[in-house]
Protein backbone atom coordinates (compact mmCIF):
# COMPACT_ATOMS: atom_id res chain seq x y z
CA MET A 1 -11.91 26.44 -8.21
CA LYS A 2 -13.88 24.33 -10.70
CA ALA A 3 -13.96 20.55 -10.72
CA VAL A 4 -14.05 18.37 -13.82
CA ILE A 5 -15.28 14.81 -13.25
CA MET A 6 -14.57 12.23 -15.95
CA ALA A 7 -17.84 10.25 -15.96
CA GLY A 8 -17.99 8.99 -19.54
CA GLY A 9 -16.25 5.62 -19.36
CA PHE A 10 -17.75 2.22 -20.12
CA GLY A 11 -16.63 0.52 -16.89
CA LYS A 12 -15.97 -2.76 -18.67
CA ARG A 13 -14.72 -4.67 -15.60
CA ILE A 14 -17.92 -4.14 -13.65
CA ALA A 15 -20.40 -3.69 -16.52
CA ARG A 16 -21.42 -7.37 -16.52
CA PHE A 17 -22.85 -6.86 -13.03
CA TYR A 18 -24.39 -3.40 -13.71
CA ASN A 19 -25.17 -3.18 -17.41
CA ASP A 20 -28.22 -0.95 -16.91
CA ARG A 21 -26.32 2.17 -15.85
CA PRO A 22 -22.93 3.88 -16.25
CA LYS A 23 -20.30 3.03 -13.65
CA PRO A 24 -20.41 6.40 -11.80
CA MET A 25 -24.13 5.84 -11.21
CA ILE A 26 -23.79 2.50 -9.43
CA ASP A 27 -25.67 2.64 -6.18
CA ILE A 28 -23.84 2.48 -2.84
CA CYS A 29 -26.07 2.54 0.21
CA GLY A 30 -28.89 4.32 -1.60
CA ARG A 31 -26.92 6.91 -3.58
CA PRO A 32 -24.83 6.82 -6.78
CA VAL A 33 -21.07 7.19 -6.64
CA LEU A 34 -21.19 10.58 -8.37
CA GLU A 35 -23.50 11.99 -5.72
CA TYR A 36 -20.98 11.15 -2.99
CA GLN A 37 -18.29 12.94 -5.03
CA ILE A 38 -20.39 16.05 -5.56
CA GLU A 39 -21.36 16.20 -1.90
CA ASN A 40 -17.69 16.01 -0.83
CA LEU A 41 -16.74 18.76 -3.28
CA ARG A 42 -19.53 21.00 -1.98
CA LYS A 43 -18.34 20.51 1.62
CA SER A 44 -14.92 21.82 0.51
CA GLY A 45 -16.51 24.89 -1.07
CA ILE A 46 -16.28 23.62 -4.67
CA THR A 47 -19.65 24.15 -6.29
CA ASP A 48 -18.88 24.71 -9.99
CA ILE A 49 -18.65 21.26 -11.58
CA ILE A 50 -18.30 20.05 -15.17
CA LEU A 51 -19.28 16.43 -15.85
CA VAL A 52 -17.69 14.83 -18.92
CA VAL A 53 -20.20 12.23 -20.12
CA HIS A 54 -20.50 9.72 -22.96
CA TYR A 55 -21.70 6.18 -22.15
CA MET A 56 -25.38 6.24 -21.09
CA LYS A 57 -25.04 9.98 -20.65
CA ASP A 58 -28.79 10.61 -20.32
CA TYR A 59 -28.85 8.52 -17.14
CA ILE A 60 -26.40 10.96 -15.52
CA MET A 61 -27.85 14.15 -16.99
CA ASP A 62 -31.44 13.28 -16.07
CA TYR A 63 -30.45 12.44 -12.48
CA PHE A 64 -28.37 15.53 -11.70
CA ALA A 65 -29.82 18.11 -14.11
CA ASP A 66 -28.20 21.47 -13.23
CA GLY A 67 -27.16 20.33 -9.73
CA SER A 68 -29.27 22.91 -7.92
CA ASN A 69 -30.94 20.25 -5.77
CA LEU A 70 -27.46 19.39 -4.41
CA GLY A 71 -26.40 22.99 -3.89
CA VAL A 72 -23.97 23.08 -6.83
CA ASN A 73 -23.87 24.24 -10.44
CA ILE A 74 -23.40 21.38 -12.92
CA SER A 75 -22.67 21.73 -16.63
CA TYR A 76 -21.84 18.98 -19.10
CA TYR A 77 -19.46 18.18 -21.91
CA GLU A 78 -20.84 15.40 -24.08
CA GLU A 79 -18.16 13.36 -25.85
CA GLU A 80 -19.28 12.21 -29.29
CA THR A 81 -16.55 9.58 -29.21
CA PRO A 82 -14.40 8.62 -26.19
CA LEU A 83 -11.47 11.01 -25.81
CA GLY A 84 -9.45 9.12 -23.21
CA THR A 85 -8.54 10.42 -19.77
CA ALA A 86 -7.63 13.93 -20.92
CA GLY A 87 -8.87 14.66 -24.44
CA ALA A 88 -12.07 16.35 -23.28
CA LEU A 89 -10.09 18.94 -21.30
CA PHE A 90 -8.87 20.53 -24.51
CA LYS A 91 -12.43 20.78 -25.80
CA ILE A 92 -13.51 22.75 -22.72
CA LYS A 93 -10.34 24.72 -21.97
CA ASP A 94 -12.11 28.01 -22.63
CA LYS A 95 -14.32 27.19 -19.62
CA LEU A 96 -11.26 26.58 -17.43
CA SER A 97 -9.94 30.06 -16.75
CA GLU A 98 -7.98 29.03 -13.63
CA ASP A 99 -6.48 25.93 -12.01
CA PHE A 100 -9.03 23.14 -11.67
CA LEU A 101 -9.63 19.75 -10.08
CA LEU A 102 -9.74 16.69 -12.34
CA ILE A 103 -11.36 13.63 -10.78
CA ASN A 104 -11.99 10.09 -12.01
CA GLY A 105 -15.68 9.27 -11.90
CA ASP A 106 -15.34 5.84 -10.28
CA LEU A 107 -13.98 6.96 -6.90
CA ILE A 108 -15.44 7.08 -3.43
CA PHE A 109 -13.49 9.63 -1.40
CA SER A 110 -13.56 11.80 1.68
CA VAL A 111 -11.02 14.56 1.14
CA ASP A 112 -10.51 18.02 2.59
CA PHE A 113 -9.71 19.64 -0.75
CA ARG A 114 -8.78 22.94 0.87
CA ARG A 115 -5.52 21.39 2.09
CA MET A 116 -4.68 19.96 -1.32
CA ILE A 117 -5.41 23.29 -3.02
CA ASP A 118 -3.17 25.13 -0.53
CA PHE A 119 -0.36 22.64 -1.22
CA HIS A 120 -0.77 23.10 -4.99
CA ARG A 121 -0.67 26.90 -4.77
CA LYS A 122 2.26 27.08 -2.35
CA ASN A 123 4.35 24.99 -4.74
CA ASN A 124 3.31 26.95 -7.86
CA ALA A 125 2.61 23.55 -9.38
CA LEU A 126 1.68 22.85 -12.96
CA ALA A 127 -0.02 19.71 -11.67
CA THR A 128 -0.57 18.13 -8.28
CA LEU A 129 -1.48 14.45 -7.95
CA PHE A 130 -3.17 13.04 -4.87
CA VAL A 131 -1.05 9.99 -4.00
CA HIS A 132 -1.38 7.25 -1.41
CA PRO A 133 -0.62 3.56 -0.86
CA ASN A 134 -3.33 1.10 -1.84
CA SER A 135 -4.13 -2.60 -1.61
CA HIS A 136 -3.39 -3.35 -5.27
CA PRO A 137 -0.24 -1.44 -6.29
CA TYR A 138 0.72 -4.20 -8.72
CA ASP A 139 -2.00 -3.05 -11.16
CA SER A 140 -1.99 0.67 -10.34
CA GLU A 141 -0.20 3.72 -11.69
CA LEU A 142 2.83 4.22 -9.44
CA ILE A 143 4.45 7.54 -8.60
CA VAL A 144 8.12 8.23 -7.83
CA CYS A 145 8.95 11.53 -6.16
CA ASN A 146 11.92 13.13 -4.43
CA ASP A 147 12.18 14.43 -0.86
CA ASN A 148 10.53 17.70 -1.94
CA ASN A 149 7.48 15.84 -3.31
CA VAL A 150 8.45 16.63 -6.90
CA ILE A 151 7.34 13.76 -9.14
CA THR A 152 10.18 12.27 -11.17
CA ASP A 153 8.41 9.25 -12.70
CA TRP A 154 4.88 7.92 -13.25
CA PHE A 155 4.50 4.38 -14.50
CA LYS A 156 2.39 1.22 -14.46
CA SER A 157 3.98 -1.72 -12.64
CA ASP A 158 5.10 -4.49 -14.97
CA GLY A 159 5.26 -7.05 -12.15
CA ARG A 160 9.05 -7.05 -12.06
CA GLY A 161 11.26 -5.58 -9.36
CA ASN A 162 10.36 -3.77 -6.16
CA TYR A 163 8.57 -0.44 -5.86
CA ARG A 164 7.31 1.97 -3.23
CA ASN A 165 3.56 1.77 -2.81
CA CYS A 166 2.83 5.32 -3.91
CA VAL A 167 -0.17 5.31 -6.21
CA ASN A 168 -1.96 7.94 -8.27
CA ALA A 169 -5.39 8.00 -6.63
CA GLY A 170 -7.24 9.56 -9.58
CA ILE A 171 -7.56 13.06 -8.10
CA HIS A 172 -5.51 15.87 -9.65
CA ILE A 173 -5.20 19.64 -9.68
CA LEU A 174 -4.08 20.99 -13.05
CA SER A 175 -2.94 24.48 -13.88
CA LYS A 176 -4.72 26.02 -16.85
CA GLU A 177 -1.17 26.51 -18.19
CA VAL A 178 -0.95 22.75 -18.77
CA LEU A 179 -3.69 22.97 -21.38
CA TYR A 180 -1.60 25.41 -23.42
CA ARG A 181 1.63 23.41 -23.12
CA THR A 182 0.09 20.37 -24.82
CA HIS A 183 -0.57 20.88 -28.51
CA GLU A 184 -2.09 17.53 -29.43
CA GLU A 185 -5.81 16.99 -29.69
CA GLY A 186 -8.19 14.06 -29.92
CA LYS A 187 -7.99 11.02 -27.67
CA LEU A 188 -5.35 11.74 -25.02
CA ASN A 189 -3.96 9.93 -22.01
CA LEU A 190 -3.43 12.17 -18.97
CA ARG A 191 -0.23 10.43 -17.92
CA ALA A 192 1.51 9.80 -21.24
CA ASP A 193 0.34 12.75 -23.31
CA VAL A 194 -0.13 15.56 -20.80
CA VAL A 195 1.79 15.14 -17.54
CA GLU A 196 4.85 13.00 -18.34
CA PRO A 197 6.17 15.50 -20.94
CA LEU A 198 6.18 18.12 -18.15
CA LEU A 199 8.09 16.13 -15.50
CA ASP A 200 11.36 17.83 -16.38
CA THR A 201 9.90 21.20 -15.38
CA GLY A 202 10.14 20.19 -11.71
CA ARG A 203 6.62 21.55 -11.21
CA ILE A 204 4.65 18.29 -11.05
CA PHE A 205 4.00 17.50 -7.38
CA ALA A 206 2.73 14.62 -5.25
CA TYR A 207 0.27 15.41 -2.47
CA HIS A 208 0.52 12.59 0.09
CA SER A 209 -2.57 11.91 2.15
CA ALA A 210 -4.08 9.06 4.17
CA GLU A 211 -7.61 10.30 3.51
CA TYR A 212 -10.07 7.81 2.04
CA VAL A 213 -9.89 7.45 -1.76
CA LYS A 214 -10.78 4.13 -3.38
CA ASP A 215 -12.07 3.14 -6.77
CA MET A 216 -15.05 0.83 -7.05
CA GLY A 217 -14.30 -0.45 -10.54
CA THR A 218 -14.43 -4.17 -9.77
CA SER A 219 -17.02 -6.21 -7.90
CA ASP A 220 -14.54 -6.96 -5.09
CA ARG A 221 -13.60 -3.31 -4.63
CA LEU A 222 -17.25 -2.26 -4.77
CA ARG A 223 -18.02 -4.69 -1.97
CA HIS A 224 -15.25 -3.29 0.24
CA VAL A 225 -16.16 0.33 -0.48
CA THR A 226 -19.81 -0.38 0.32
CA ALA A 227 -18.81 -1.92 3.66
CA ASP A 228 -16.65 1.12 4.42
CA VAL A 229 -19.56 3.47 3.74
CA GLU A 230 -21.86 1.36 5.94
CA ASN A 231 -19.31 1.35 8.78
CA ASN A 232 -18.61 5.10 8.51
CA ILE A 233 -14.94 4.46 7.72
CA VAL A 234 -15.03 6.61 4.58
CA PHE A 235 -16.17 9.85 6.18
CA ALA A 236 -14.08 9.41 9.33
CA LYS A 237 -10.85 9.50 7.29
CA ARG A 238 -11.01 13.18 6.28
CA ALA A 239 -7.86 15.02 7.35
CA ASP A 240 -9.82 17.49 9.47
CA LYS A 241 -11.14 14.67 11.69
CA LYS A 242 -9.13 13.04 14.48
CA GLN A 243 -7.59 9.73 13.39
CA LYS A 244 -6.50 6.66 15.30
CA ALA A 245 -3.42 4.65 14.43
CA ILE A 246 -1.55 1.44 15.05
CA PHE A 247 2.15 2.28 15.10
CA LEU A 248 4.31 -0.67 14.14
CA ASP A 249 7.95 -1.46 14.77
CA ARG A 250 9.54 -2.98 11.66
CA ASP A 251 12.20 -5.63 12.44
CA GLY A 252 10.79 -8.46 14.53
CA THR A 253 7.24 -7.16 14.18
CA ILE A 254 6.55 -7.15 10.42
CA ASN A 255 9.68 -8.76 9.02
CA LYS A 256 11.90 -11.41 10.58
CA TYR A 257 14.56 -10.07 12.92
CA LYS A 258 18.04 -10.64 11.45
CA GLY A 259 20.09 -8.04 13.26
CA TYR A 260 20.86 -4.95 11.22
CA ILE A 261 19.20 -5.33 7.81
CA THR A 262 21.37 -3.56 5.26
CA SER A 263 20.19 -5.20 2.04
CA PRO A 264 16.77 -5.92 0.50
CA LYS A 265 17.81 -9.57 0.19
CA GLN A 266 17.70 -9.90 3.98
CA LEU A 267 14.10 -8.76 4.34
CA GLU A 268 11.52 -11.52 4.82
CA LEU A 269 7.99 -11.07 6.17
CA ILE A 270 6.88 -12.81 9.35
CA SER A 271 4.11 -15.29 8.60
CA GLY A 272 0.72 -13.65 9.12
CA ALA A 273 2.08 -10.09 9.29
CA ALA A 274 0.70 -9.00 5.92
CA GLU A 275 -2.73 -10.39 6.72
CA ALA A 276 -2.66 -8.57 10.07
CA ILE A 277 -1.80 -5.26 8.37
CA LYS A 278 -4.53 -5.91 5.81
CA LYS A 279 -7.00 -6.10 8.70
CA ILE A 280 -5.65 -2.81 10.06
CA ASN A 281 -6.24 -1.23 6.63
CA ARG A 282 -9.88 -2.30 6.74
CA SER A 283 -10.45 -1.33 10.37
CA GLY A 284 -10.34 2.45 10.15
CA TYR A 285 -6.96 2.64 11.91
CA LEU A 286 -3.90 4.02 10.14
CA ALA A 287 -0.95 1.62 9.88
CA ILE A 288 2.30 3.55 10.44
CA ILE A 289 5.79 2.09 10.76
CA ILE A 290 8.11 3.59 13.39
CA THR A 291 11.65 2.24 13.08
CA ASN A 292 15.20 3.01 14.26
CA GLN A 293 17.72 2.72 11.44
CA PRO A 294 21.11 3.49 13.03
CA SER A 295 22.98 1.70 10.24
CA ILE A 296 22.85 4.95 8.30
CA ALA A 297 24.68 6.83 11.06
CA MET A 298 27.10 3.92 11.43
CA GLY A 299 27.99 4.10 7.72
CA ARG A 300 26.76 0.56 7.06
CA MET A 301 23.95 1.63 4.74
CA SER A 302 22.93 4.63 2.62
CA TYR A 303 19.54 6.33 2.45
CA ALA A 304 19.17 4.93 -1.08
CA VAL A 305 19.63 1.35 0.10
CA LEU A 306 17.16 1.91 2.93
CA ASP A 307 14.64 3.07 0.34
CA GLU A 308 15.28 -0.12 -1.65
CA ILE A 309 14.61 -2.16 1.50
CA HIS A 310 11.35 -0.33 2.06
CA ALA A 311 10.43 -0.76 -1.59
CA LYS A 312 10.74 -4.52 -1.11
CA LEU A 313 8.62 -4.29 2.05
CA ASP A 314 5.95 -2.32 0.17
CA THR A 315 6.03 -4.82 -2.69
CA LEU A 316 5.71 -7.89 -0.46
CA LEU A 317 2.84 -6.35 1.51
CA GLY A 318 1.15 -5.16 -1.68
CA GLU A 319 1.24 -8.64 -3.19
CA GLU A 320 -0.94 -9.74 -0.26
CA GLY A 321 -3.29 -6.74 -0.44
CA ALA A 322 -1.79 -4.85 2.51
CA TYR A 323 -0.09 -1.48 2.87
CA VAL A 324 1.25 0.97 5.44
CA ASP A 325 -0.04 4.54 5.38
CA ALA A 326 3.32 6.05 6.33
CA LEU A 327 6.80 5.11 7.47
CA TYR A 328 9.01 7.10 9.84
CA PHE A 329 12.62 6.20 10.53
CA CYS A 330 15.36 7.59 12.73
CA PRO A 331 18.82 7.52 11.07
CA HIS A 332 20.70 8.67 14.20
CA HIS A 333 22.91 6.87 16.68
CA PRO A 334 24.34 8.46 19.85
CA ASP A 335 27.61 6.49 20.07
CA LYS A 336 30.70 7.36 18.07
CA GLY A 337 33.65 5.25 17.00
CA PHE A 338 32.35 3.24 14.02
CA GLU A 339 34.54 3.03 10.94
CA GLY A 340 33.00 5.01 8.10
CA GLU A 341 30.34 6.54 10.33
CA ASN A 342 28.35 9.63 9.38
CA ALA A 343 29.45 12.19 11.98
CA GLU A 344 26.48 14.48 11.38
CA LEU A 345 24.10 11.70 12.43
CA LYS A 346 25.99 10.66 15.58
CA ILE A 347 23.81 12.67 17.91
CA LYS A 348 21.34 12.24 20.73
CA CYS A 349 17.96 12.98 19.20
CA ASP A 350 14.34 12.98 20.24
CA CYS A 351 13.22 10.69 17.41
CA ARG A 352 15.18 7.53 18.26
CA LYS A 353 13.16 5.02 20.26
CA PRO A 354 12.70 4.76 23.27
CA SER A 355 11.78 8.41 22.71
CA GLY A 356 8.31 8.87 21.26
CA GLY A 357 9.44 11.60 18.87
CA MET A 358 8.58 9.78 15.64
CA ILE A 359 5.14 8.86 16.97
CA LYS A 360 4.49 12.47 17.97
CA LYS A 361 5.61 13.67 14.52
CA ALA A 362 3.22 11.23 12.85
CA ALA A 363 0.44 12.34 15.17
CA ALA A 364 0.96 15.95 14.11
CA ASP A 365 1.17 15.04 10.41
CA PHE A 366 -1.98 12.90 10.39
CA ASN A 367 -4.09 14.54 13.12
CA ILE A 368 -3.95 11.39 15.28
CA ASP A 369 -5.54 10.99 18.71
CA LEU A 370 -2.74 9.15 20.52
CA SER A 371 -4.99 8.18 23.43
CA LYS A 372 -6.93 5.95 20.99
CA SER A 373 -3.82 4.53 19.31
CA PHE A 374 -1.36 1.67 19.88
CA MET A 375 2.41 1.18 19.57
CA VAL A 376 3.27 -2.44 18.73
CA GLY A 377 6.80 -3.83 18.88
CA ASP A 378 9.10 -6.58 20.04
CA SER A 379 11.44 -4.62 22.31
CA GLU A 380 11.38 -2.51 25.44
CA ARG A 381 12.33 0.49 23.29
CA ASP A 382 9.02 0.15 21.45
CA VAL A 383 7.06 -0.09 24.69
CA LEU A 384 8.76 2.97 26.17
CA ALA A 385 8.29 4.96 22.96
CA GLY A 386 4.57 4.21 23.07
CA ILE A 387 4.35 5.27 26.71
CA ASP A 388 6.33 8.46 26.03
CA ALA A 389 4.00 9.39 23.17
CA GLY A 390 0.85 8.66 25.14
CA CYS A 391 -0.52 5.66 23.28
CA THR A 392 -1.16 2.09 24.44
CA PRO A 393 2.00 -0.08 24.14
CA ILE A 394 1.75 -3.67 22.95
CA PHE A 395 4.72 -6.01 23.47
CA LEU A 396 5.24 -8.98 21.15
CA THR A 397 6.76 -11.85 23.09
CA GLY A 398 7.78 -13.93 20.09
CA SER A 399 11.26 -12.38 20.13
CA ASP A 400 14.20 -13.00 22.45
CA ASN A 401 13.69 -9.59 24.06
CA SER A 402 12.04 -9.03 27.40
CA VAL A 403 10.22 -6.07 28.93
CA SER A 404 10.63 -4.89 32.49
CA VAL A 405 7.71 -2.48 32.29
CA SER A 406 4.69 -3.81 34.16
CA ASP A 407 1.06 -3.81 33.03
CA VAL A 408 1.89 -4.01 29.34
CA ARG A 409 -0.38 -6.04 27.08
CA LYS A 410 1.52 -8.94 25.54
CA TYR A 411 0.95 -11.05 22.43
CA LYS A 412 3.18 -13.50 20.65
CA LYS A 413 2.75 -12.04 17.15
CA LEU A 414 1.22 -9.01 15.47
CA ALA A 415 -1.51 -11.24 14.05
CA ASP A 416 -2.55 -12.32 17.56
CA PHE A 417 -2.92 -8.70 18.71
CA ILE A 418 -4.97 -7.76 15.67
CA LYS A 419 -7.20 -10.81 16.04
CA ASP A 420 -7.94 -10.11 19.71
CA GLU A 421 -8.18 -6.31 19.83
CA ILE A 422 -8.93 -4.78 16.42
CA LYS A 423 -12.45 -5.33 15.12
């Protein structure tokens, strides 16, 4: 599979700090951004690369030449005038005889592309977008997909309403067929002109991953990415490497406990929780919510309303620069007799805490080493779930609950645990 890297942009937001070079050539720990990208592609067996260049193109072309010194084959398409995020693809479509990767040139990433390619092929996708939560969803392109990972909407947040923190990361696999379904030419936008018109085919897919992908297009983001490279956080996040996680209960741990929450209006963050999760995001640990939601089985709430509640949670966290990498919930309840209950969900399951089933499922999904991970919650159920799964349980004493299990580490709030134990 070939890779096309869009490296021709002006980088206006960061240009005032680095006006002597194009944005993809900004140095991070001794190497330009593009070199990190090419090295990652080579490690996944992708060695045929086309660089789309325009602004200060000679800087890029002189540095990389034909790519042989990096073990790859690099060719170039030189834009005479900027063609947007997709226009150049239609100028080089004769060179793209099969499905190909399309990557934004301002990203630092550590991705096992073999997994993404397998996902794309198994779904016979026209396009596959790498999606993840990030620390600034309010100014990112947001993705909406169904339970089968089919994308149903792709939009830029307008600052109104709640949304799930599911962001287009700037890495895509496109079928060559896409280039023959779009008949416009010139300056084109990948989202509006190429992909959105194909959403109704049901063949545009979201590939969810917690691997490291971040843009360095502002001075603040560049600073954080540089620190992550220095601390080896970037390269440790590849899916083929063992991860460590902090599993988080929801009610009473992140948001204020108010009994069964059955409406987004009831959800309110605990003071300091977002900042604590933000520190998890920067630590190298995954932040994963593990929550019982028996209201669905009881007939008090639908799956759609639960998603609205979690959209509000994502939005509130995102406004403070925090995010969770994944969220697992159990909709079951073992006891019958509730008016309007969902009989199919009134079962004894292995996912409902105090069982560690959801934690074990997350561990399998994200290749997590549970012996190096924590389960944090405000009830004995959370402690027992952590013990059952084989991770270290942390009990938050700020609730009215108590724990009879001995030798459990205790903190009043999530923020206290993060401050004391996560560096």
